[in-house]
């Protein structure tokens, strides 16, 4: 597949390749040159839960399993 570089240095990635690679608007690509070739790598987003790691606090004197058991039975508001 080929594409043409625009005056602004932009290209259109052919739809078949976008579909195959799961590229959508907003996808982040990392560009580098390897042996004289332009190589683009799809950047995978970070884990969406990482920013919440360590932010929650359990009520005093509660183990995680005990707290989850209380939540499941509706005893905690």
N, C-alpha and C. Protein backbone atom coordinates (compact mmCIF):
# COMPACT_ATOMS: atom_id res chain seq x y z
N UNK A 1 0.85 -1.18 0.00
CA UNK A 1 0.00 0.00 0.00
C UNK A 1 0.89 1.24 0.00
N UNK A 2 0.48 2.22 -0.71
CA UNK A 2 1.25 3.46 -0.76
C UNK A 2 0.33 4.64 -0.43
N UNK A 3 0.95 5.72 -0.03
CA UNK A 3 0.24 6.96 0.26
C UNK A 3 1.17 8.11 -0.11
N UNK A 4 0.63 9.30 -0.21
CA UNK A 4 1.41 10.46 -0.63
C UNK A 4 1.57 11.41 0.55
N UNK A 5 2.77 11.90 0.74
CA UNK A 5 3.07 12.87 1.78
C UNK A 5 2.57 14.25 1.35
N UNK A 6 1.79 14.91 2.21
CA UNK A 6 1.27 16.23 1.86
C UNK A 6 2.33 17.30 2.06
N UNK A 7 2.04 18.51 1.62
CA UNK A 7 2.96 19.64 1.78
C UNK A 7 3.25 19.91 3.26
N UNK A 8 2.30 19.58 4.12
CA UNK A 8 2.47 19.79 5.56
C UNK A 8 3.16 18.61 6.25
N UNK A 9 3.57 17.61 5.47
CA UNK A 9 4.24 16.44 6.06
C UNK A 9 3.28 15.42 6.61
N UNK A 10 2.03 15.47 6.20
CA UNK A 10 1.01 14.54 6.71
C UNK A 10 0.78 13.41 5.72
N UNK A 11 0.38 12.26 6.26
CA UNK A 11 -0.01 11.13 5.42
C UNK A 11 -1.35 10.61 5.89
N UNK A 12 -2.01 9.87 5.02
CA UNK A 12 -3.22 9.16 5.40
C UNK A 12 -2.87 7.69 5.46
N UNK A 13 -3.12 7.07 6.61
CA UNK A 13 -2.87 5.64 6.75
C UNK A 13 -4.06 4.93 6.08
N UNK A 14 -3.80 4.05 5.13
CA UNK A 14 -4.90 3.38 4.43
C UNK A 14 -5.87 2.70 5.41
N UNK A 15 -7.16 2.75 5.08
CA UNK A 15 -8.20 2.23 5.97
C UNK A 15 -7.98 0.77 6.32
N UNK A 16 -7.55 -0.03 5.36
CA UNK A 16 -7.33 -1.46 5.64
C UNK A 16 -6.30 -1.63 6.76
N UNK A 17 -5.24 -0.81 6.75
CA UNK A 17 -4.23 -0.89 7.81
C UNK A 17 -4.78 -0.36 9.12
N UNK A 18 -5.53 0.74 9.08
CA UNK A 18 -6.14 1.28 10.32
C UNK A 18 -7.03 0.23 10.97
N UNK A 19 -7.85 -0.43 10.15
CA UNK A 19 -8.75 -1.46 10.68
C UNK A 19 -7.96 -2.63 11.25
N UNK A 20 -6.94 -3.08 10.52
CA UNK A 20 -6.13 -4.22 10.95
C UNK A 20 -5.43 -3.95 12.27
N UNK A 21 -4.96 -2.70 12.45
CA UNK A 21 -4.20 -2.35 13.65
C UNK A 21 -5.06 -1.75 14.75
N UNK A 22 -6.33 -1.55 14.48
CA UNK A 22 -7.22 -0.97 15.49
C UNK A 22 -6.94 0.50 15.75
N UNK A 23 -6.47 1.21 14.72
CA UNK A 23 -6.18 2.64 14.86
C UNK A 23 -7.47 3.44 14.69
N UNK A 24 -7.71 4.34 15.60
CA UNK A 24 -8.89 5.20 15.55
C UNK A 24 -8.44 6.63 15.78
N UNK A 25 -9.34 7.58 15.57
CA UNK A 25 -9.02 8.97 15.87
C UNK A 25 -8.54 9.07 17.30
N UNK A 26 -7.43 9.73 17.52
CA UNK A 26 -6.87 9.87 18.86
C UNK A 26 -5.83 8.82 19.21
N UNK A 27 -5.68 7.78 18.37
CA UNK A 27 -4.63 6.78 18.62
C UNK A 27 -3.28 7.47 18.59
N UNK A 28 -2.38 7.03 19.44
CA UNK A 28 -1.05 7.63 19.52
C UNK A 28 -0.05 6.71 18.85
N UNK A 29 0.73 7.28 17.93
CA UNK A 29 1.76 6.52 17.23
C UNK A 29 3.13 7.08 17.59
N UNK A 30 4.08 6.19 17.79
CA UNK A 30 5.46 6.57 18.07
C UNK A 30 6.27 6.28 16.81
N UNK A 31 6.97 7.29 16.27
CA UNK A 31 7.74 7.14 15.04
C UNK A 31 9.23 7.05 15.34
N UNK A 32 9.92 6.19 14.57
CA UNK A 32 11.37 6.08 14.65
C UNK A 32 11.89 5.58 13.31
N UNK A 33 13.19 5.70 13.11
CA UNK A 33 13.79 5.15 11.91
C UNK A 33 14.62 3.94 12.30
N UNK A 34 14.46 2.88 11.53
CA UNK A 34 15.22 1.65 11.75
C UNK A 34 15.77 1.23 10.38
N UNK A 35 17.09 1.19 10.28
CA UNK A 35 17.75 0.81 9.02
C UNK A 35 17.22 1.61 7.84
N UNK A 36 17.03 2.91 8.02
CA UNK A 36 16.58 3.78 6.95
C UNK A 36 15.10 3.70 6.63
N UNK A 37 14.33 3.00 7.47
CA UNK A 37 12.88 2.87 7.26
C UNK A 37 12.14 3.62 8.36
N UNK A 38 11.03 4.24 8.01
CA UNK A 38 10.18 4.90 8.98
C UNK A 38 9.27 3.85 9.59
N UNK A 39 9.31 3.72 10.90
CA UNK A 39 8.53 2.70 11.60
C UNK A 39 7.62 3.41 12.61
N UNK A 40 6.35 3.11 12.53
CA UNK A 40 5.38 3.66 13.48
C UNK A 40 4.90 2.53 14.38
N UNK A 41 4.86 2.80 15.67
CA UNK A 41 4.39 1.82 16.64
C UNK A 41 3.21 2.40 17.39
N UNK A 42 2.14 1.63 17.47
CA UNK A 42 0.95 2.06 18.20
C UNK A 42 1.27 2.04 19.69
N UNK A 43 1.09 3.18 20.34
CA UNK A 43 1.33 3.26 21.78
C UNK A 43 0.08 2.77 22.50
N UNK A 44 0.28 1.87 23.43
CA UNK A 44 -0.85 1.35 24.20
C UNK A 44 -1.08 2.27 25.39
N UNK A 45 -2.33 2.64 25.62
CA UNK A 45 -2.61 3.51 26.76
C UNK A 45 -2.27 2.80 28.06
N UNK A 46 -1.91 3.58 29.07
CA UNK A 46 -1.61 2.99 30.38
C UNK A 46 -2.86 2.42 31.02
N UNK A 47 -2.67 1.66 32.04
CA UNK A 47 -3.79 1.08 32.78
C UNK A 47 -4.61 2.20 33.40
N UNK A 48 -5.90 2.23 33.09
CA UNK A 48 -6.77 3.31 33.57
C UNK A 48 -6.93 3.28 35.10
N UNK A 49 -6.58 2.17 35.73
CA UNK A 49 -6.73 2.06 37.18
C UNK A 49 -5.47 2.47 37.94
N UNK A 50 -4.33 2.64 37.21
CA UNK A 50 -3.09 3.00 37.89
C UNK A 50 -3.22 4.28 38.71
N UNK A 51 -3.95 5.27 38.19
CA UNK A 51 -4.04 6.54 38.91
C UNK A 51 -4.79 6.40 40.24
N UNK A 52 -5.55 5.33 40.42
CA UNK A 52 -6.32 5.14 41.65
C UNK A 52 -5.60 4.23 42.64
N UNK A 53 -4.52 3.61 42.23
CA UNK A 53 -3.81 2.67 43.10
C UNK A 53 -3.37 3.36 44.39
N UNK A 54 -3.74 2.81 45.51
CA UNK A 54 -3.34 3.33 46.81
C UNK A 54 -4.17 4.51 47.30
N UNK A 55 -5.22 4.88 46.60
CA UNK A 55 -6.02 6.04 47.00
C UNK A 55 -7.14 5.70 47.97
N UNK A 56 -7.61 4.48 47.93
CA UNK A 56 -8.72 4.09 48.80
C UNK A 56 -8.25 3.79 50.22
N UNK A 57 -9.10 4.03 51.16
CA UNK A 57 -8.78 3.74 52.55
C UNK A 57 -9.88 2.87 53.15
N UNK A 58 -9.48 1.82 53.83
CA UNK A 58 -10.45 0.97 54.50
C UNK A 58 -10.82 1.58 55.84
N UNK A 59 -12.05 1.33 56.28
CA UNK A 59 -12.40 1.78 57.63
C UNK A 59 -11.43 1.16 58.65
N UNK A 60 -11.22 1.84 59.73
CA UNK A 60 -10.28 1.38 60.75
C UNK A 60 -10.60 -0.05 61.18
N UNK A 61 -9.55 -0.83 61.39
CA UNK A 61 -9.64 -2.20 61.91
C UNK A 61 -10.39 -3.15 60.99
N UNK A 62 -10.39 -2.90 59.70
CA UNK A 62 -11.07 -3.81 58.77
C UNK A 62 -10.06 -4.39 57.79
N UNK A 63 -10.10 -5.69 57.61
CA UNK A 63 -9.31 -6.34 56.58
C UNK A 63 -10.08 -6.20 55.26
N UNK A 64 -9.38 -6.27 54.15
CA UNK A 64 -10.01 -6.11 52.84
C UNK A 64 -11.16 -7.09 52.65
N UNK A 65 -10.95 -8.35 52.95
CA UNK A 65 -12.01 -9.35 52.76
C UNK A 65 -13.22 -9.06 53.63
N UNK A 66 -12.99 -8.63 54.87
CA UNK A 66 -14.11 -8.30 55.77
C UNK A 66 -14.90 -7.12 55.22
N UNK A 67 -14.19 -6.10 54.72
CA UNK A 67 -14.84 -4.91 54.18
C UNK A 67 -15.67 -5.26 52.94
N UNK A 68 -15.10 -6.09 52.06
CA UNK A 68 -15.84 -6.50 50.86
C UNK A 68 -17.09 -7.29 51.23
N UNK A 69 -17.00 -8.12 52.23
CA UNK A 69 -18.17 -8.88 52.69
C UNK A 69 -19.27 -7.94 53.20
N UNK A 70 -18.89 -6.90 53.94
CA UNK A 70 -19.87 -5.91 54.41
C UNK A 70 -20.53 -5.18 53.24
N UNK A 71 -19.74 -4.80 52.26
CA UNK A 71 -20.28 -4.09 51.09
C UNK A 71 -21.26 -4.97 50.32
N UNK A 72 -20.90 -6.21 50.14
CA UNK A 72 -21.75 -7.13 49.36
C UNK A 72 -23.11 -7.35 50.02
N UNK A 73 -23.16 -7.23 51.32
CA UNK A 73 -24.42 -7.45 52.02
C UNK A 73 -25.12 -6.15 52.40
N UNK A 74 -24.63 -5.03 51.87
CA UNK A 74 -25.31 -3.76 52.07
C UNK A 74 -25.22 -3.18 53.46
N UNK A 75 -24.21 -3.57 54.23
CA UNK A 75 -24.08 -3.06 55.60
C UNK A 75 -23.23 -1.82 55.69
N UNK A 76 -22.68 -1.38 54.58
CA UNK A 76 -21.85 -0.18 54.58
C UNK A 76 -22.49 0.83 53.64
N UNK A 77 -22.55 2.05 54.07
CA UNK A 77 -23.15 3.10 53.24
C UNK A 77 -22.09 4.04 52.74
